[in-house]
Every structure is written in C-alpha cells, then in structure tokens.
Amino acid sequence: MDEFPICPLCERPIPPDVPQSVHHLVPRSKGGRGGEAVLLHHICHKEIHAELSETEIARDFATIAELRTHPRIARFIAWVDKRPPGFLSRVPGPRRKR
C-alpha cells in the first residue's frame, strides 16, 4: 500500500485524490511569510479559518498542538476522525463573526 502524507491536525492520511491545502502556522498577513507551513486536508484547513481569525491564529494558535486545544476544533477532529480520509463536507456549524 502506498504511503500518504498524514494531516497533522486530524492525523488521518491525505490520499492524492482528496482536496488538500497548505496552512501557514503564522498567517502570511501576520508576519508568517516564509514561515512554517503544513499540508492539511482541505476540510481541516477550512475548519481552522471558519473558527479563528488570522489574528487569533497568529496570537494564540500558531502550532498544531495549540490548534488541537481549541474547543470547536477539538470537536471537529473527533467528528472527522469517524470519516474516511477522502470525506468531503461543508464546514459544519456557524462561521465565526467577522
């Protein structure tokens, strides 16, 4: 069986035919240009940005470990863990207020 990259947020494999995104741990607009970035499932990346502003990410959630402690993201991880790696869905729940 082929080895696929692992999404560091949900820890599920990312098959090549599944939408994927690069997430900058510190948003580029907040000084993260050229900084560390990780490959995530697109659904996982969308969940991060649905819940957190770029300022919140830069200030309080600039690592995968910190992201995993956020209550909504932790619930999302538990929810998506029950789905296959190729699962696609709209991001559940209301979007954050801008």
PDB file of N, CA and C in Angstrom:
ATOM      1  N   MET A   1       0.835  -1.181   0.000  1.00  0.00           N
ATOM      2  CA  MET A   1       0.000   0.000   0.000  1.00  0.00           C
ATOM      3  C   MET A   1       0.880   1.246   0.000  1.00  0.00           C
ATOM      4  N   ASP A   2       0.479   2.247  -0.767  1.00  0.00           N
ATOM      5  CA  ASP A   2       1.246   3.482  -0.842  1.00  0.00           C
ATOM      6  C   ASP A   2       1.145   4.247   0.468  1.00  0.00           C
ATOM      7  N   GLU A   3       2.213   4.960   0.769  1.00  0.00           N
ATOM      8  CA  GLU A   3       2.220   5.814   1.950  1.00  0.00           C
ATOM      9  C   GLU A   3       1.720   7.198   1.552  1.00  0.00           C
ATOM     10  N   PHE A   4       0.736   7.699   2.251  1.00  0.00           N
ATOM     11  CA  PHE A   4       0.209   9.036   2.001  1.00  0.00           C
ATOM     12  C   PHE A   4       0.682   9.962   3.103  1.00  0.00           C
ATOM     13  N   PRO A   5       0.780  11.263   2.802  1.00  0.00           N
ATOM     14  CA  PRO A   5       1.090  12.198   3.894  1.00  0.00           C
ATOM     15  C   PRO A   5      -0.015  12.149   4.945  1.00  0.00           C
ATOM     16  N   ILE A   6       0.323  12.453   6.159  1.00  0.00           N
ATOM     17  CA  ILE A   6      -0.639  12.464   7.266  1.00  0.00           C
ATOM     18  C   ILE A   6      -0.984  13.919   7.595  1.00  0.00           C
ATOM     19  N   CYS A   7      -2.269  14.185   7.714  1.00  0.00           N
ATOM     20  CA  CYS A   7      -2.729  15.521   8.121  1.00  0.00           C
ATOM     21  C   CYS A   7      -2.363  15.699   9.597  1.00  0.00           C
ATOM     22  N   PRO A   8      -1.541  16.686   9.933  1.00  0.00           N
ATOM     23  CA  PRO A   8      -1.151  16.837  11.336  1.00  0.00           C
ATOM     24  C   PRO A   8      -2.293  17.264  12.254  1.00  0.00           C
ATOM     25  N   LEU A   9      -3.359  17.839  11.694  1.00  0.00           N
ATOM     26  CA  LEU A   9      -4.469  18.263  12.545  1.00  0.00           C
ATOM     27  C   LEU A   9      -5.322  17.066  12.955  1.00  0.00           C
ATOM     28  N   CYS A  10      -5.825  16.299  11.981  1.00  0.00           N
ATOM     29  CA  CYS A  10      -6.719  15.178  12.306  1.00  0.00           C
ATOM     30  C   CYS A  10      -5.999  13.834  12.366  1.00  0.00           C
ATOM     31  N   GLU A  11      -4.749  13.811  11.909  1.00  0.00           N
ATOM     32  CA  GLU A  11      -3.907  12.607  11.932  1.00  0.00           C
ATOM     33  C   GLU A  11      -4.434  11.481  11.049  1.00  0.00           C
ATOM     34  N   ARG A  12      -5.214  11.833  10.008  1.00  0.00           N
ATOM     35  CA  ARG A  12      -5.655  10.846   9.026  1.00  0.00           C
ATOM     36  C   ARG A  12      -4.805  11.004   7.764  1.00  0.00           C
ATOM     37  N   PRO A  13      -4.657   9.932   6.964  1.00  0.00           N
ATOM     38  CA  PRO A  13      -3.893  10.056   5.721  1.00  0.00           C
ATOM     39  C   PRO A  13      -4.576  11.003   4.738  1.00  0.00           C
ATOM     40  N   ILE A  14      -3.779  11.613   3.871  1.00  0.00           N
ATOM     41  CA  ILE A  14      -4.284  12.501   2.830  1.00  0.00           C
ATOM     42  C   ILE A  14      -4.017  11.840   1.471  1.00  0.00           C
ATOM     43  N   PRO A  15      -4.977  11.081   0.937  1.00  0.00           N
ATOM     44  CA  PRO A  15      -4.779  10.474  -0.377  1.00  0.00           C
ATOM     45  C   PRO A  15      -4.611  11.556  -1.448  1.00  0.00           C
ATOM     46  N   PRO A  16      -3.908  11.247  -2.545  1.00  0.00           N
ATOM     47  CA  PRO A  16      -3.638  12.275  -3.560  1.00  0.00           C
ATOM     48  C   PRO A  16      -4.887  12.805  -4.263  1.00  0.00           C
ATOM     49  N   ASP A  17      -5.982  12.033  -4.259  1.00  0.00           N
ATOM     50  CA  ASP A  17      -7.194  12.481  -4.949  1.00  0.00           C
ATOM     51  C   ASP A  17      -8.137  13.285  -4.040  1.00  0.00           C
ATOM     52  N   VAL A  18      -7.701  13.592  -2.820  1.00  0.00           N
ATOM     53  CA  VAL A  18      -8.507  14.332  -1.860  1.00  0.00           C
ATOM     54  C   VAL A  18      -8.028  15.788  -1.840  1.00  0.00           C
ATOM     55  N   PRO A  19      -8.957  16.761  -1.830  1.00  0.00           N
ATOM     56  CA  PRO A  19      -8.526  18.162  -1.750  1.00  0.00           C
ATOM     57  C   PRO A  19      -7.653  18.396  -0.522  1.00  0.00           C
ATOM     58  N   GLN A  20      -6.565  19.092  -0.745  1.00  0.00           N
ATOM     59  CA  GLN A  20      -5.623  19.383   0.329  1.00  0.00           C
ATOM     60  C   GLN A  20      -5.213  20.840   0.247  1.00  0.00           C
ATOM     61  N   SER A  21      -4.726  21.374   1.365  1.00  0.00           N
ATOM     62  CA  SER A  21      -4.346  22.782   1.451  1.00  0.00           C
ATOM     63  C   SER A  21      -3.073  22.917   2.264  1.00  0.00           C
ATOM     64  N   VAL A  22      -2.334  23.966   1.966  1.00  0.00           N
ATOM     65  CA  VAL A  22      -1.166  24.312   2.774  1.00  0.00           C
ATOM     66  C   VAL A  22      -1.603  25.395   3.762  1.00  0.00           C
ATOM     67  N   HIS A  23      -1.352  25.147   5.040  1.00  0.00           N
ATOM     68  CA  HIS A  23      -1.718  26.089   6.098  1.00  0.00           C
ATOM     69  C   HIS A  23      -0.445  26.685   6.671  1.00  0.00           C
ATOM     70  N   HIS A  24      -0.347  27.999   6.648  1.00  0.00           N
ATOM     71  CA  HIS A  24       0.770  28.694   7.281  1.00  0.00           C
ATOM     72  C   HIS A  24       0.454  28.821   8.763  1.00  0.00           C
ATOM     73  N   LEU A  25       1.323  28.286   9.603  1.00  0.00           N
ATOM     74  CA  LEU A  25       1.050  28.285  11.040  1.00  0.00           C
ATOM     75  C   LEU A  25       0.908  29.709  11.582  1.00  0.00           C
ATOM     76  N   VAL A  26       1.715  30.617  11.098  1.00  0.00           N
ATOM     77  CA  VAL A  26       1.500  32.046  11.348  1.00  0.00           C
ATOM     78  C   VAL A  26       1.040  32.604  10.007  1.00  0.00           C
ATOM     79  N   PRO A  27      -0.165  33.153   9.941  1.00  0.00           N
ATOM     80  CA  PRO A  27      -0.671  33.646   8.661  1.00  0.00           C
ATOM     81  C   PRO A  27       0.314  34.613   7.995  1.00  0.00           C
ATOM     82  N   ARG A  28       0.392  34.512   6.682  1.00  0.00           N
ATOM     83  CA  ARG A  28       1.311  35.373   5.937  1.00  0.00           C
ATOM     84  C   ARG A  28       1.043  36.850   6.215  1.00  0.00           C
ATOM     85  N   SER A  29      -0.233  37.202   6.362  1.00  0.00           N
ATOM     86  CA  SER A  29      -0.583  38.607   6.606  1.00  0.00           C
ATOM     87  C   SER A  29      -0.182  39.079   8.002  1.00  0.00           C
ATOM     88  N   LYS A  30       0.185  38.141   8.869  1.00  0.00           N
ATOM     89  CA  LYS A  30       0.569  38.475  10.241  1.00  0.00           C
ATOM     90  C   LYS A  30       2.042  38.180  10.504  1.00  0.00           C
ATOM     91  N   GLY A  31       2.857  38.203   9.444  1.00  0.00           N
ATOM     92  CA  GLY A  31       4.294  38.017   9.603  1.00  0.00           C
ATOM     93  C   GLY A  31       4.792  36.613   9.340  1.00  0.00           C
ATOM     94  N   GLY A  32       3.939  35.736   8.836  1.00  0.00           N
ATOM     95  CA  GLY A  32       4.342  34.354   8.616  1.00  0.00           C
ATOM     96  C   GLY A  32       4.852  34.042   7.224  1.00  0.00           C
ATOM     97  N   ARG A  33       5.011  35.054   6.380  1.00  0.00           N
ATOM     98  CA  ARG A  33       5.515  34.816   5.022  1.00  0.00           C
ATOM     99  C   ARG A  33       6.894  34.166   5.129  1.00  0.00           C
ATOM    100  N   GLY A  34       7.039  33.017   4.497  1.00  0.00           N
ATOM    101  CA  GLY A  34       8.301  32.295   4.566  1.00  0.00           C
ATOM    102  C   GLY A  34       8.431  31.429   5.810  1.00  0.00           C
ATOM    103  N   GLY A  35       7.423  31.461   6.669  1.00  0.00           N
ATOM    104  CA  GLY A  35       7.456  30.662   7.898  1.00  0.00           C
ATOM    105  C   GLY A  35       6.984  29.239   7.658  1.00  0.00           C
ATOM    106  N   GLU A  36       6.861  28.492   8.728  1.00  0.00           N
ATOM    107  CA  GLU A  36       6.477  27.088   8.632  1.00  0.00           C
ATOM    108  C   GLU A  36       5.046  26.939   8.123  1.00  0.00           C
ATOM    109  N   ALA A  37       4.877  25.979   7.217  1.00  0.00           N
ATOM    110  CA  ALA A  37       3.562  25.655   6.671  1.00  0.00           C
ATOM    111  C   ALA A  37       3.396  24.143   6.702  1.00  0.00           C
ATOM    112  N   VAL A  38       2.154  23.693   6.830  1.00  0.00           N
ATOM    113  CA  VAL A  38       1.864  22.257   6.891  1.00  0.00           C
ATOM    114  C   VAL A  38       0.778  21.903   5.878  1.00  0.00           C
ATOM    115  N   LEU A  39       0.826  20.677   5.383  1.00  0.00           N
ATOM    116  CA  LEU A  39      -0.184  20.177   4.460  1.00  0.00           C
ATOM    117  C   LEU A  39      -1.332  19.582   5.270  1.00  0.00           C
ATOM    118  N   LEU A  40      -2.555  20.046   4.989  1.00  0.00           N
ATOM    119  CA  LEU A  40      -3.754  19.575   5.689  1.00  0.00           C
ATOM    120  C   LEU A  40      -4.798  19.117   4.680  1.00  0.00           C
ATOM    121  N   HIS A  41      -5.753  18.294   5.137  1.00  0.00           N
ATOM    122  CA  HIS A  41      -6.968  18.086   4.347  1.00  0.00           C
ATOM    123  C   HIS A  41      -7.598  19.462   4.156  1.00  0.00           C
ATOM    124  N   HIS A  42      -8.191  19.690   3.014  1.00  0.00           N
ATOM    125  CA  HIS A  42      -8.846  20.976   2.767  1.00  0.00           C
ATOM    126  C   HIS A  42      -9.959  21.211   3.801  1.00  0.00           C
ATOM    127  N   ILE A  43     -10.708  20.175   4.153  1.00  0.00           N
ATOM    128  CA  ILE A  43     -11.786  20.305   5.135  1.00  0.00           C
ATOM    129  C   ILE A  43     -11.226  20.733   6.503  1.00  0.00           C
ATOM    130  N   CYS A  44     -10.058  20.230   6.868  1.00  0.00           N
ATOM    131  CA  CYS A  44      -9.436  20.612   8.143  1.00  0.00           C
ATOM    132  C   CYS A  44      -8.985  22.071   8.097  1.00  0.00           C
ATOM    133  N   HIS A  45      -8.408  22.474   6.982  1.00  0.00           N
ATOM    134  CA  HIS A  45      -7.952  23.850   6.824  1.00  0.00           C
ATOM    135  C   HIS A  45      -9.136  24.815   6.882  1.00  0.00           C
ATOM    136  N   LYS A  46     -10.226  24.466   6.216  1.00  0.00           N
ATOM    137  CA  LYS A  46     -11.410  25.317   6.225  1.00  0.00           C
ATOM    138  C   LYS A  46     -11.984  25.447   7.640  1.00  0.00           C
ATOM    139  N   GLU A  47     -11.925  24.390   8.418  1.00  0.00           N
ATOM    140  CA  GLU A  47     -12.434  24.444   9.794  1.00  0.00           C
ATOM    141  C   GLU A  47     -11.638  25.449  10.624  1.00  0.00           C
ATOM    142  N   ILE A  48     -10.325  25.456  10.474  1.00  0.00           N
ATOM    143  CA  ILE A  48      -9.484  26.399  11.217  1.00  0.00           C
ATOM    144  C   ILE A  48      -9.923  27.831  10.907  1.00  0.00           C
ATOM    145  N   HIS A  49     -10.046  28.140   9.613  1.00  0.00           N
ATOM    146  CA  HIS A  49     -10.350  29.519   9.224  1.00  0.00           C
ATOM    147  C   HIS A  49     -11.830  29.879   9.412  1.00  0.00           C
ATOM    148  N   ALA A  50     -12.695  28.880   9.534  1.00  0.00           N
ATOM    149  CA  ALA A  50     -14.096  29.158   9.843  1.00  0.00           C
ATOM    150  C   ALA A  50     -14.247  29.606  11.292  1.00  0.00           C
ATOM    151  N   GLU A  51     -13.359  29.131  12.150  1.00  0.00           N
ATOM    152  CA  GLU A  51     -13.479  29.419  13.579  1.00  0.00           C
ATOM    153  C   GLU A  51     -12.581  30.562  14.054  1.00  0.00           C
ATOM    154  N   LEU A  52     -11.399  30.667  13.485  1.00  0.00           N
ATOM    155  CA  LEU A  52     -10.402  31.598  14.022  1.00  0.00           C
ATOM    156  C   LEU A  52     -10.024  32.673  13.012  1.00  0.00           C
ATOM    157  N   SER A  53      -9.839  33.880  13.500  1.00  0.00           N
ATOM    158  CA  SER A  53      -9.334  34.951  12.652  1.00  0.00           C
ATOM    159  C   SER A  53      -7.822  34.763  12.484  1.00  0.00           C
ATOM    160  N   GLU A  54      -7.262  35.455  11.514  1.00  0.00           N
ATOM    161  CA  GLU A  54      -5.817  35.372  11.326  1.00  0.00           C
ATOM    162  C   GLU A  54      -5.077  35.927  12.534  1.00  0.00           C
ATOM    163  N   THR A  55      -5.635  36.941  13.166  1.00  0.00           N
ATOM    164  CA  THR A  55      -5.020  37.495  14.376  1.00  0.00           C
ATOM    165  C   THR A  55      -5.018  36.453  15.492  1.00  0.00           C
ATOM    166  N   GLU A  56      -6.145  35.763  15.691  1.00  0.00           N
ATOM    167  CA  GLU A  56      -6.216  34.727  16.735  1.00  0.00           C
ATOM    168  C   GLU A  56      -5.232  33.602  16.442  1.00  0.00           C
ATOM    169  N   ILE A  57      -5.132  33.202  15.175  1.00  0.00           N
ATOM    170  CA  ILE A  57      -4.189  32.136  14.817  1.00  0.00           C
ATOM    171  C   ILE A  57      -2.775  32.577  15.169  1.00  0.00           C
ATOM    172  N   ALA A  58      -2.387  33.778  14.725  1.00  0.00           N
ATOM    173  CA  ALA A  58      -1.023  34.267  14.971  1.00  0.00           C
ATOM    174  C   ALA A  58      -0.728  34.417  16.456  1.00  0.00           C
ATOM    175  N   ARG A  59      -1.706  34.909  17.213  1.00  0.00           N
ATOM    176  CA  ARG A  59      -1.500  35.215  18.633  1.00  0.00           C
ATOM    177  C   ARG A  59      -1.574  33.969  19.524  1.00  0.00           C
ATOM    178  N   ASP A  60      -2.572  33.104  19.284  1.00  0.00           N
ATOM    179  CA  ASP A  60      -2.845  32.030  20.245  1.00  0.00           C
ATOM    180  C   ASP A  60      -2.797  30.604  19.693  1.00  0.00           C
ATOM    181  N   PHE A  61      -2.794  30.449  18.370  1.00  0.00           N
ATOM    182  CA  PHE A  61      -2.921  29.104  17.796  1.00  0.00           C
ATOM    183  C   PHE A  61      -1.942  28.895  16.650  1.00  0.00           C
ATOM    184  N   ALA A  62      -0.675  29.243  16.863  1.00  0.00           N
ATOM    185  CA  ALA A  62       0.337  29.189  15.809  1.00  0.00           C
ATOM    186  C   ALA A  62       1.067  27.849  15.729  1.00  0.00           C
ATOM    187  N   THR A  63       0.571  26.840  16.443  1.00  0.00           N
ATOM    188  CA  THR A  63       1.129  25.486  16.320  1.00  0.00           C
ATOM    189  C   THR A  63      -0.044  24.515  16.183  1.00  0.00           C
ATOM    190  N   ILE A  64       0.249  23.343  15.664  1.00  0.00           N
ATOM    191  CA  ILE A  64      -0.789  22.312  15.558  1.00  0.00           C
ATOM    192  C   ILE A  64      -1.276  21.934  16.955  1.00  0.00           C
ATOM    193  N   ALA A  65      -0.369  21.808  17.908  1.00  0.00           N
ATOM    194  CA  ALA A  65      -0.765  21.453  19.288  1.00  0.00           C
ATOM    195  C   ALA A  65      -1.733  22.479  19.849  1.00  0.00           C
ATOM    196  N   GLU A  66      -1.473  23.768  19.618  1.00  0.00           N
ATOM    197  CA  GLU A  66      -2.379  24.809  20.113  1.00  0.00           C
ATOM    198  C   GLU A  66      -3.719  24.755  19.392  1.00  0.00           C
ATOM    199  N   LEU A  67      -3.703  24.536  18.078  1.00  0.00           N
ATOM    200  CA  LEU A  67      -4.960  24.418  17.331  1.00  0.00           C
ATOM    201  C   LEU A  67      -5.811  23.277  17.872  1.00  0.00           C
ATOM    202  N   ARG A  68      -5.168  22.158  18.193  1.00  0.00           N
ATOM    203  CA  ARG A  68      -5.899  20.976  18.669  1.00  0.00           C
ATOM    204  C   ARG A  68      -6.550  21.206  20.035  1.00  0.00           C
ATOM    205  N   THR A  69      -6.122  22.241  20.776  1.00  0.00           N
ATOM    206  CA  THR A  69      -6.716  22.519  22.084  1.00  0.00           C
ATOM    207  C   THR A  69      -7.961  23.396  21.993  1.00  0.00           C
ATOM    208  N   HIS A  70      -8.197  24.026  20.857  1.00  0.00           N
ATOM    209  CA  HIS A  70      -9.368  24.889  20.715  1.00  0.00           C
ATOM    210  C   HIS A  70     -10.628  24.026  20.790  1.00  0.00           C
ATOM    211  N   PRO A  71     -11.623  24.380  21.601  1.00  0.00           N
ATOM    212  CA  PRO A  71     -12.794  23.509  21.795  1.00  0.00           C
ATOM    213  C   PRO A  71     -13.517  23.117  20.502  1.00  0.00           C
ATOM    214  N   ARG A  72     -13.809  24.061  19.618  1.00  0.00           N
ATOM    215  CA  ARG A  72     -14.534  23.697  18.390  1.00  0.00           C
ATOM    216  C   ARG A  72     -13.665  22.827  17.488  1.00  0.00           C
ATOM    217  N   ILE A  73     -12.383  23.144  17.389  1.00  0.00           N
ATOM    218  CA  ILE A  73     -11.508  22.347  16.532  1.00  0.00           C
ATOM    219  C   ILE A  73     -11.331  20.952  17.114  1.00  0.00           C
ATOM    220  N   ALA A  74     -11.250  20.836  18.432  1.00  0.00           N
ATOM    221  CA  ALA A  74     -11.165  19.514  19.066  1.00  0.00           C
ATOM    222  C   ALA A  74     -12.426  18.697  18.770  1.00  0.00           C
ATOM    223  N   ARG A  75     -13.606  19.325  18.814  1.00  0.00           N
ATOM    224  CA  ARG A  75     -14.854  18.617  18.472  1.00  0.00           C
ATOM    225  C   ARG A  75     -14.847  18.202  17.006  1.00  0.00           C
ATOM    226  N   PHE A  76     -14.371  19.088  16.133  1.00  0.00           N
ATOM    227  CA  PHE A  76     -14.272  18.770  14.712  1.00  0.00           C
ATOM    228  C   PHE A  76     -13.363  17.566  14.488  1.00  0.00           C
ATOM    229  N   ILE A  77     -12.203  17.548  15.151  1.00  0.00           N
ATOM    230  CA  ILE A  77     -11.258  16.435  14.994  1.00  0.00           C
ATOM    231  C   ILE A  77     -11.920  15.126  15.415  1.00  0.00           C
ATOM    232  N   ALA A  78     -12.625  15.121  16.538  1.00  0.00           N
ATOM    233  CA  ALA A  78     -13.324  13.915  17.000  1.00  0.00           C
ATOM    234  C   ALA A  78     -14.386  13.490  15.986  1.00  0.00           C
ATOM    235  N   TRP A  79     -15.078  14.456  15.398  1.00  0.00           N
ATOM    236  CA  TRP A  79     -16.126  14.177  14.416  1.00  0.00           C
ATOM    237  C   TRP A  79     -15.541  13.629  13.120  1.00  0.00           C
ATOM    238  N   VAL A  80     -14.521  14.296  12.586  1.00  0.00           N
ATOM    239  CA  VAL A  80     -13.966  13.898  11.288  1.00  0.00           C
ATOM    240  C   VAL A  80     -13.172  12.594  11.401  1.00  0.00           C
ATOM    241  N   ASP A  81     -12.712  12.264  12.597  1.00  0.00           N
ATOM    242  CA  ASP A  81     -11.963  11.023  12.807  1.00  0.00           C
ATOM    243  C   ASP A  81     -12.793   9.788  12.470  1.00  0.00           C
ATOM    244  N   LYS A  82     -14.121   9.925  12.527  1.00  0.00           N
ATOM    245  CA  LYS A  82     -15.016   8.803  12.234  1.00  0.00           C
ATOM    246  C   LYS A  82     -15.301   8.689  10.734  1.00  0.00           C
ATOM    247  N   ARG A  83     -14.753   9.598   9.930  1.00  0.00           N
ATOM    248  CA  ARG A  83     -14.979   9.597   8.485  1.00  0.00           C
ATOM    249  C   ARG A  83     -13.748   9.069   7.756  1.00  0.00           C
ATOM    250  N   PRO A  84     -13.939   8.558   6.533  1.00  0.00           N
ATOM    251  CA  PRO A  84     -12.783   8.094   5.757  1.00  0.00           C
ATOM    252  C   PRO A  84     -11.891   9.263   5.350  1.00  0.00           C
ATOM    253  N   PRO A  85     -10.622   9.001   5.033  1.00  0.00           N
ATOM    254  CA  PRO A  85      -9.696  10.084   4.685  1.00  0.00           C
ATOM    255  C   PRO A  85     -10.168  10.955   3.519  1.00  0.00           C
ATOM    256  N   GLY A  86     -10.958  10.405   2.619  1.00  0.00           N
ATOM    257  CA  GLY A  86     -11.422  11.166   1.472  1.00  0.00           C
ATOM    258  C   GLY A  86     -12.734  11.894   1.693  1.00  0.00           C
ATOM    259  N   PHE A  87     -13.235  11.910   2.917  1.00  0.00           N
ATOM    260  CA  PHE A  87     -14.529  12.509   3.214  1.00  0.00           C
ATOM    261  C   PHE A  87     -14.525  13.997   2.876  1.00  0.00           C
ATOM    262  N   LEU A  88     -15.571  14.439   2.183  1.00  0.00           N
ATOM    263  CA  LEU A  88     -15.739  15.851   1.847  1.00  0.00           C
ATOM    264  C   LEU A  88     -17.063  16.330   2.412  1.00  0.00           C
ATOM    265  N   SER A  89     -17.073  17.516   2.948  1.00  0.00           N
ATOM    266  CA  SER A  89     -18.287  18.085   3.508  1.00  0.00           C
ATOM    267  C   SER A  89     -18.109  19.582   3.615  1.00  0.00           C
ATOM    268  N   ARG A  90     -19.221  20.280   3.691  1.00  0.00           N
ATOM    269  CA  ARG A  90     -19.127  21.690   4.036  1.00  0.00           C
ATOM    270  C   ARG A  90     -18.690  21.764   5.488  1.00  0.00           C
ATOM    271  N   VAL A  91     -18.053  22.833   5.852  1.00  0.00           N
ATOM    272  CA  VAL A  91     -17.616  23.004   7.235  1.00  0.00           C
ATOM    273  C   VAL A  91     -18.863  23.103   8.104  1.00  0.00           C
ATOM    274  N   PRO A  92     -19.005  22.223   9.112  1.00  0.00           N
ATOM    275  CA  PRO A  92     -20.210  22.231   9.939  1.00  0.00           C
ATOM    276  C   PRO A  92     -20.255  23.408  10.894  1.00  0.00           C
ATOM    277  N   GLY A  93     -21.461  23.801  11.241  1.00  0.00           N
ATOM    278  CA  GLY A  93     -21.644  24.826  12.258  1.00  0.00           C
ATOM    279  C   GLY A  93     -21.522  26.230  11.715  1.00  0.00           C
ATOM    280  N   PRO A  94     -21.912  27.193  12.514  1.00  0.00           N
ATOM    281  CA  PRO A  94     -21.863  28.582  12.073  1.00  0.00           C
ATOM    282  C   PRO A  94     -20.433  29.077  11.943  1.00  0.00           C
ATOM    283  N   ARG A  95     -20.246  29.981  11.006  1.00  0.00           N
ATOM    284  CA  ARG A  95     -18.933  30.598  10.841  1.00  0.00           C
ATOM    285  C   ARG A  95     -18.742  31.643  11.931  1.00  0.00           C
ATOM    286  N   ARG A  96     -17.479  31.941  12.237  1.00  0.00           N
ATOM    287  CA  ARG A  96     -17.187  32.951  13.253  1.00  0.00           C
ATOM    288  C   ARG A  96     -17.680  34.313  12.790  1.00  0.00           C
ATOM    289  N   LYS A  97     -17.923  35.180  13.728  1.00  0.00           N
ATOM    290  CA  LYS A  97     -18.324  36.546  13.410  1.00  0.00           C
ATOM    291  C   LYS A  97     -17.092  37.324  12.999  1.00  0.00           C
ATOM    292  N   ARG A  98     -17.202  38.108  11.958  1.00  0.00           N
ATOM    293  CA  ARG A  98     -16.066  38.890  11.471  1.00  0.00           C
ATOM    294  C   ARG A  98     -16.085  40.271  12.043  1.00  0.00           C
TER     295      ARG A  98
END
